[in-house]
Amino acid sequence: MDERARILDNYYVPARYPNGHVEGPAYEHYGSLHSSQALDRARTVLGFVRKALADG
């Protein structure tokens, strides 16, 4: 599971901060494929967390 969460970490800082990318704004570095993959991974992580909380 942590591999999927780690991949999401790669999107956080560059997309959150205006100077996160040395060359240009974040929207120039991410496309619809990145967005779809990030959403799929985020849903997987959320599902894992929800299950862990329900089982706990």
PDB file of N, CA and C in Angstrom:
ATOM      1  N   MET A   1       0.821  -1.202   0.000  1.00  0.00           N
ATOM      2  CA  MET A   1       0.000   0.000   0.000  1.00  0.00           C
ATOM      3  C   MET A   1       0.857   1.253   0.000  1.00  0.00           C
ATOM      4  N   ASP A   2       1.966   1.244   0.733  1.00  0.00           N
ATOM      5  CA  ASP A   2       2.734   2.473   0.870  1.00  0.00           C
ATOM      6  C   ASP A   2       3.337   2.953  -0.442  1.00  0.00           C
ATOM      7  N   GLU A   3       3.512   2.057  -1.413  1.00  0.00           N
ATOM      8  CA  GLU A   3       4.013   2.480  -2.726  1.00  0.00           C
ATOM      9  C   GLU A   3       3.011   3.415  -3.406  1.00  0.00           C
ATOM     10  N   ARG A   4       1.728   3.090  -3.310  1.00  0.00           N
ATOM     11  CA  ARG A   4       0.701   3.949  -3.915  1.00  0.00           C
ATOM     12  C   ARG A   4       0.619   5.288  -3.208  1.00  0.00           C
ATOM     13  N   ALA A   5       0.752   5.280  -1.915  1.00  0.00           N
ATOM     14  CA  ALA A   5       0.746   6.538  -1.163  1.00  0.00           C
ATOM     15  C   ALA A   5       1.987   7.363  -1.487  1.00  0.00           C
ATOM     16  N   ARG A   6       3.111   6.704  -1.641  1.00  0.00           N
ATOM     17  CA  ARG A   6       4.362   7.399  -1.960  1.00  0.00           C
ATOM     18  C   ARG A   6       4.268   8.086  -3.323  1.00  0.00           C
ATOM     19  N   ILE A   7       3.617   7.449  -4.272  1.00  0.00           N
ATOM     20  CA  ILE A   7       3.435   8.055  -5.589  1.00  0.00           C
ATOM     21  C   ILE A   7       2.619   9.335  -5.465  1.00  0.00           C
ATOM     22  N   LEU A   8       1.611   9.336  -4.612  1.00  0.00           N
ATOM     23  CA  LEU A   8       0.811  10.542  -4.405  1.00  0.00           C
ATOM     24  C   LEU A   8       1.644  11.662  -3.793  1.00  0.00           C
ATOM     25  N   ASP A   9       2.602  11.317  -2.959  1.00  0.00           N
ATOM     26  CA  ASP A   9       3.495  12.327  -2.374  1.00  0.00           C
ATOM     27  C   ASP A   9       4.221  13.120  -3.451  1.00  0.00           C
ATOM     28  N   ASN A  10       4.554  12.464  -4.544  1.00  0.00           N
ATOM     29  CA  ASN A  10       5.265  13.143  -5.634  1.00  0.00           C
ATOM     30  C   ASN A  10       4.454  14.272  -6.255  1.00  0.00           C
ATOM     31  N   TYR A  11       3.140  14.222  -6.135  1.00  0.00           N
ATOM     32  CA  TYR A  11       2.292  15.263  -6.699  1.00  0.00           C
ATOM     33  C   TYR A  11       2.063  16.422  -5.736  1.00  0.00           C
ATOM     34  N   TYR A  12       2.214  16.186  -4.450  1.00  0.00           N
ATOM     35  CA  TYR A  12       1.786  17.157  -3.452  1.00  0.00           C
ATOM     36  C   TYR A  12       2.552  18.479  -3.503  1.00  0.00           C
ATOM     37  N   VAL A  13       3.827  18.457  -3.260  1.00  0.00           N
ATOM     38  CA  VAL A  13       4.589  19.705  -3.157  1.00  0.00           C
ATOM     39  C   VAL A  13       4.612  20.475  -4.478  1.00  0.00           C
ATOM     40  N   PRO A  14       4.945  19.840  -5.602  1.00  0.00           N
ATOM     41  CA  PRO A  14       5.003  20.611  -6.843  1.00  0.00           C
ATOM     42  C   PRO A  14       3.664  21.238  -7.247  1.00  0.00           C
ATOM     43  N   ALA A  15       2.577  20.553  -6.951  1.00  0.00           N
ATOM     44  CA  ALA A  15       1.272  21.086  -7.333  1.00  0.00           C
ATOM     45  C   ALA A  15       0.754  22.109  -6.326  1.00  0.00           C
ATOM     46  N   ARG A  16       1.219  22.038  -5.110  1.00  0.00           N
ATOM     47  CA  ARG A  16       0.721  22.913  -4.040  1.00  0.00           C
ATOM     48  C   ARG A  16       1.393  24.279  -4.017  1.00  0.00           C
ATOM     49  N   TYR A  17       2.662  24.309  -4.322  1.00  0.00           N
ATOM     50  CA  TYR A  17       3.429  25.546  -4.200  1.00  0.00           C
ATOM     51  C   TYR A  17       3.796  26.104  -5.578  1.00  0.00           C
ATOM     52  N   PRO A  18       3.642  27.404  -5.763  1.00  0.00           N
ATOM     53  CA  PRO A  18       3.894  28.024  -7.073  1.00  0.00           C
ATOM     54  C   PRO A  18       5.315  27.798  -7.592  1.00  0.00           C
ATOM     55  N   ASN A  19       6.282  27.693  -6.713  1.00  0.00           N
ATOM     56  CA  ASN A  19       7.658  27.475  -7.153  1.00  0.00           C
ATOM     57  C   ASN A  19       8.069  26.007  -7.022  1.00  0.00           C
ATOM     58  N   GLY A  20       7.108  25.113  -6.960  1.00  0.00           N
ATOM     59  CA  GLY A  20       7.390  23.690  -6.827  1.00  0.00           C
ATOM     60  C   GLY A  20       8.093  23.105  -8.041  1.00  0.00           C
ATOM     61  N   HIS A  21       7.864  23.685  -9.198  1.00  0.00           N
ATOM     62  CA  HIS A  21       8.557  23.295 -10.427  1.00  0.00           C
ATOM     63  C   HIS A  21       9.477  24.434 -10.829  1.00  0.00           C
ATOM     64  N   VAL A  22      10.686  24.086 -11.152  1.00  0.00           N
ATOM     65  CA  VAL A  22      11.652  25.110 -11.543  1.00  0.00           C
ATOM     66  C   VAL A  22      11.206  25.798 -12.830  1.00  0.00           C
ATOM     67  N   GLU A  23      10.663  25.028 -13.749  1.00  0.00           N
ATOM     68  CA  GLU A  23      10.271  25.567 -15.049  1.00  0.00           C
ATOM     69  C   GLU A  23       8.761  25.554 -15.217  1.00  0.00           C
ATOM     70  N   GLY A  24       8.121  26.664 -14.984  1.00  0.00           N
ATOM     71  CA  GLY A  24       6.707  26.827 -15.260  1.00  0.00           C
ATOM     72  C   GLY A  24       5.788  26.344 -14.158  1.00  0.00           C
ATOM     73  N   PRO A  25       4.513  26.690 -14.300  1.00  0.00           N
ATOM     74  CA  PRO A  25       3.516  26.325 -13.294  1.00  0.00           C
ATOM     75  C   PRO A  25       3.142  24.840 -13.364  1.00  0.00           C
ATOM     76  N   ALA A  26       2.553  24.363 -12.277  1.00  0.00           N
ATOM     77  CA  ALA A  26       2.214  22.939 -12.166  1.00  0.00           C
ATOM     78  C   ALA A  26       1.311  22.454 -13.296  1.00  0.00           C
ATOM     79  N   TYR A  27       0.356  23.274 -13.714  1.00  0.00           N
ATOM     80  CA  TYR A  27      -0.587  22.801 -14.745  1.00  0.00           C
ATOM     81  C   TYR A  27       0.109  22.469 -16.062  1.00  0.00           C
ATOM     82  N   GLU A  28       1.311  22.973 -16.262  1.00  0.00           N
ATOM     83  CA  GLU A  28       2.056  22.636 -17.483  1.00  0.00           C
ATOM     84  C   GLU A  28       2.773  21.292 -17.363  1.00  0.00           C
ATOM     85  N   HIS A  29       2.821  20.734 -16.174  1.00  0.00           N
ATOM     86  CA  HIS A  29       3.555  19.493 -15.946  1.00  0.00           C
ATOM     87  C   HIS A  29       2.651  18.274 -15.749  1.00  0.00           C
ATOM     88  N   TYR A  30       1.360  18.490 -15.590  1.00  0.00           N
ATOM     89  CA  TYR A  30       0.434  17.388 -15.350  1.00  0.00           C
ATOM     90  C   TYR A  30      -0.696  17.432 -16.367  1.00  0.00           C
ATOM     91  N   GLY A  31      -1.051  16.260 -16.864  1.00  0.00           N
ATOM     92  CA  GLY A  31      -2.145  16.164 -17.819  1.00  0.00           C
ATOM     93  C   GLY A  31      -3.260  15.284 -17.275  1.00  0.00           C
ATOM     94  N   SER A  32      -4.203  14.969 -18.134  1.00  0.00           N
ATOM     95  CA  SER A  32      -5.357  14.189 -17.710  1.00  0.00           C
ATOM     96  C   SER A  32      -4.964  12.771 -17.284  1.00  0.00           C
ATOM     97  N   LEU A  33      -3.939  12.211 -17.880  1.00  0.00           N
ATOM     98  CA  LEU A  33      -3.489  10.869 -17.487  1.00  0.00           C
ATOM     99  C   LEU A  33      -2.942  10.897 -16.055  1.00  0.00           C
ATOM    100  N   HIS A  34      -2.119  11.906 -15.731  1.00  0.00           N
ATOM    101  CA  HIS A  34      -1.618  12.043 -14.361  1.00  0.00           C
ATOM    102  C   HIS A  34      -2.778  12.191 -13.382  1.00  0.00           C
ATOM    103  N   SER A  35      -3.738  13.006 -13.749  1.00  0.00           N
ATOM    104  CA  SER A  35      -4.886  13.248 -12.865  1.00  0.00           C
ATOM    105  C   SER A  35      -5.670  11.968 -12.619  1.00  0.00           C
ATOM    106  N   SER A  36      -5.944  11.231 -13.678  1.00  0.00           N
ATOM    107  CA  SER A  36      -6.699   9.988 -13.543  1.00  0.00           C
ATOM    108  C   SER A  36      -5.960   8.978 -12.669  1.00  0.00           C
ATOM    109  N   GLN A  37      -4.665   8.844 -12.904  1.00  0.00           N
ATOM    110  CA  GLN A  37      -3.877   7.897 -12.115  1.00  0.00           C
ATOM    111  C   GLN A  37      -3.818   8.319 -10.649  1.00  0.00           C
ATOM    112  N   ALA A  38      -3.649   9.608 -10.409  1.00  0.00           N
ATOM    113  CA  ALA A  38      -3.578  10.095  -9.025  1.00  0.00           C
ATOM    114  C   ALA A  38      -4.917   9.869  -8.317  1.00  0.00           C
ATOM    115  N   LEU A  39      -6.020  10.123  -8.999  1.00  0.00           N
ATOM    116  CA  LEU A  39      -7.331   9.895  -8.387  1.00  0.00           C
ATOM    117  C   LEU A  39      -7.560   8.421  -8.086  1.00  0.00           C
ATOM    118  N   ASP A  40      -7.172   7.546  -9.002  1.00  0.00           N
ATOM    119  CA  ASP A  40      -7.310   6.105  -8.764  1.00  0.00           C
ATOM    120  C   ASP A  40      -6.491   5.671  -7.556  1.00  0.00           C
ATOM    121  N   ARG A  41      -5.270   6.160  -7.468  1.00  0.00           N
ATOM    122  CA  ARG A  41      -4.417   5.798  -6.328  1.00  0.00           C
ATOM    123  C   ARG A  41      -4.963   6.361  -5.030  1.00  0.00           C
ATOM    124  N   ALA A  42      -5.461   7.583  -5.079  1.00  0.00           N
ATOM    125  CA  ALA A  42      -6.033   8.203  -3.875  1.00  0.00           C
ATOM    126  C   ALA A  42      -7.256   7.420  -3.405  1.00  0.00           C
ATOM    127  N   ARG A  43      -8.092   6.983  -4.334  1.00  0.00           N
ATOM    128  CA  ARG A  43      -9.263   6.188  -3.962  1.00  0.00           C
ATOM    129  C   ARG A  43      -8.840   4.869  -3.320  1.00  0.00           C
ATOM    130  N   THR A  44      -7.790   4.257  -3.845  1.00  0.00           N
ATOM    131  CA  THR A  44      -7.290   3.014  -3.276  1.00  0.00           C
ATOM    132  C   THR A  44      -6.784   3.234  -1.854  1.00  0.00           C
ATOM    133  N   VAL A  45      -6.025   4.294  -1.648  1.00  0.00           N
ATOM    134  CA  VAL A  45      -5.507   4.603  -0.316  1.00  0.00           C
ATOM    135  C   VAL A  45      -6.659   4.887   0.643  1.00  0.00           C
ATOM    136  N   LEU A  46      -7.643   5.669   0.216  1.00  0.00           N
ATOM    137  CA  LEU A  46      -8.800   5.960   1.069  1.00  0.00           C
ATOM    138  C   LEU A  46      -9.571   4.696   1.422  1.00  0.00           C
ATOM    139  N   GLY A  47      -9.722   3.808   0.468  1.00  0.00           N
ATOM    140  CA  GLY A  47     -10.394   2.539   0.738  1.00  0.00           C
ATOM    141  C   GLY A  47      -9.639   1.725   1.779  1.00  0.00           C
ATOM    142  N   PHE A  48      -8.323   1.706   1.668  1.00  0.00           N
ATOM    143  CA  PHE A  48      -7.487   1.000   2.644  1.00  0.00           C
ATOM    144  C   PHE A  48      -7.666   1.599   4.038  1.00  0.00           C
ATOM    145  N   VAL A  49      -7.649   2.916   4.135  1.00  0.00           N
ATOM    146  CA  VAL A  49      -7.773   3.599   5.418  1.00  0.00           C
ATOM    147  C   VAL A  49      -9.171   3.360   6.014  1.00  0.00           C
ATOM    148  N   ARG A  50     -10.197   3.466   5.188  1.00  0.00           N
ATOM    149  CA  ARG A  50     -11.569   3.226   5.674  1.00  0.00           C
ATOM    150  C   ARG A  50     -11.719   1.809   6.224  1.00  0.00           C
ATOM    151  N   LYS A  51     -11.166   0.837   5.507  1.00  0.00           N
ATOM    152  CA  LYS A  51     -11.233  -0.551   5.963  1.00  0.00           C
ATOM    153  C   LYS A  51     -10.461  -0.720   7.268  1.00  0.00           C
ATOM    154  N   ALA A  52      -9.276  -0.127   7.360  1.00  0.00           N
ATOM    155  CA  ALA A  52      -8.483  -0.246   8.581  1.00  0.00           C
ATOM    156  C   ALA A  52      -9.203   0.383   9.781  1.00  0.00           C
ATOM    157  N   LEU A  53      -9.868   1.505   9.563  1.00  0.00           N
ATOM    158  CA  LEU A  53     -10.608   2.151  10.657  1.00  0.00           C
ATOM    159  C   LEU A  53     -11.828   1.321  11.064  1.00  0.00           C
ATOM    160  N   ALA A  54     -12.486   0.716  10.100  1.00  0.00           N
ATOM    161  CA  ALA A  54     -13.671  -0.090  10.399  1.00  0.00           C
ATOM    162  C   ALA A  54     -13.289  -1.378  11.136  1.00  0.00           C
ATOM    163  N   ASP A  55     -12.133  -1.932  10.773  1.00  0.00           N
ATOM    164  CA  ASP A  55     -11.675  -3.166  11.410  1.00  0.00           C
ATOM    165  C   ASP A  55     -11.054  -2.915  12.778  1.00  0.00           C
ATOM    166  N   GLY A  56     -10.642  -1.664  13.022  1.00  0.00           N
ATOM    167  CA  GLY A  56      -9.916  -1.340  14.263  1.00  0.00           C
ATOM    168  C   GLY A  56     -10.793  -1.242  15.427  1.00  0.00           C
TER     169      GLY A  56
END
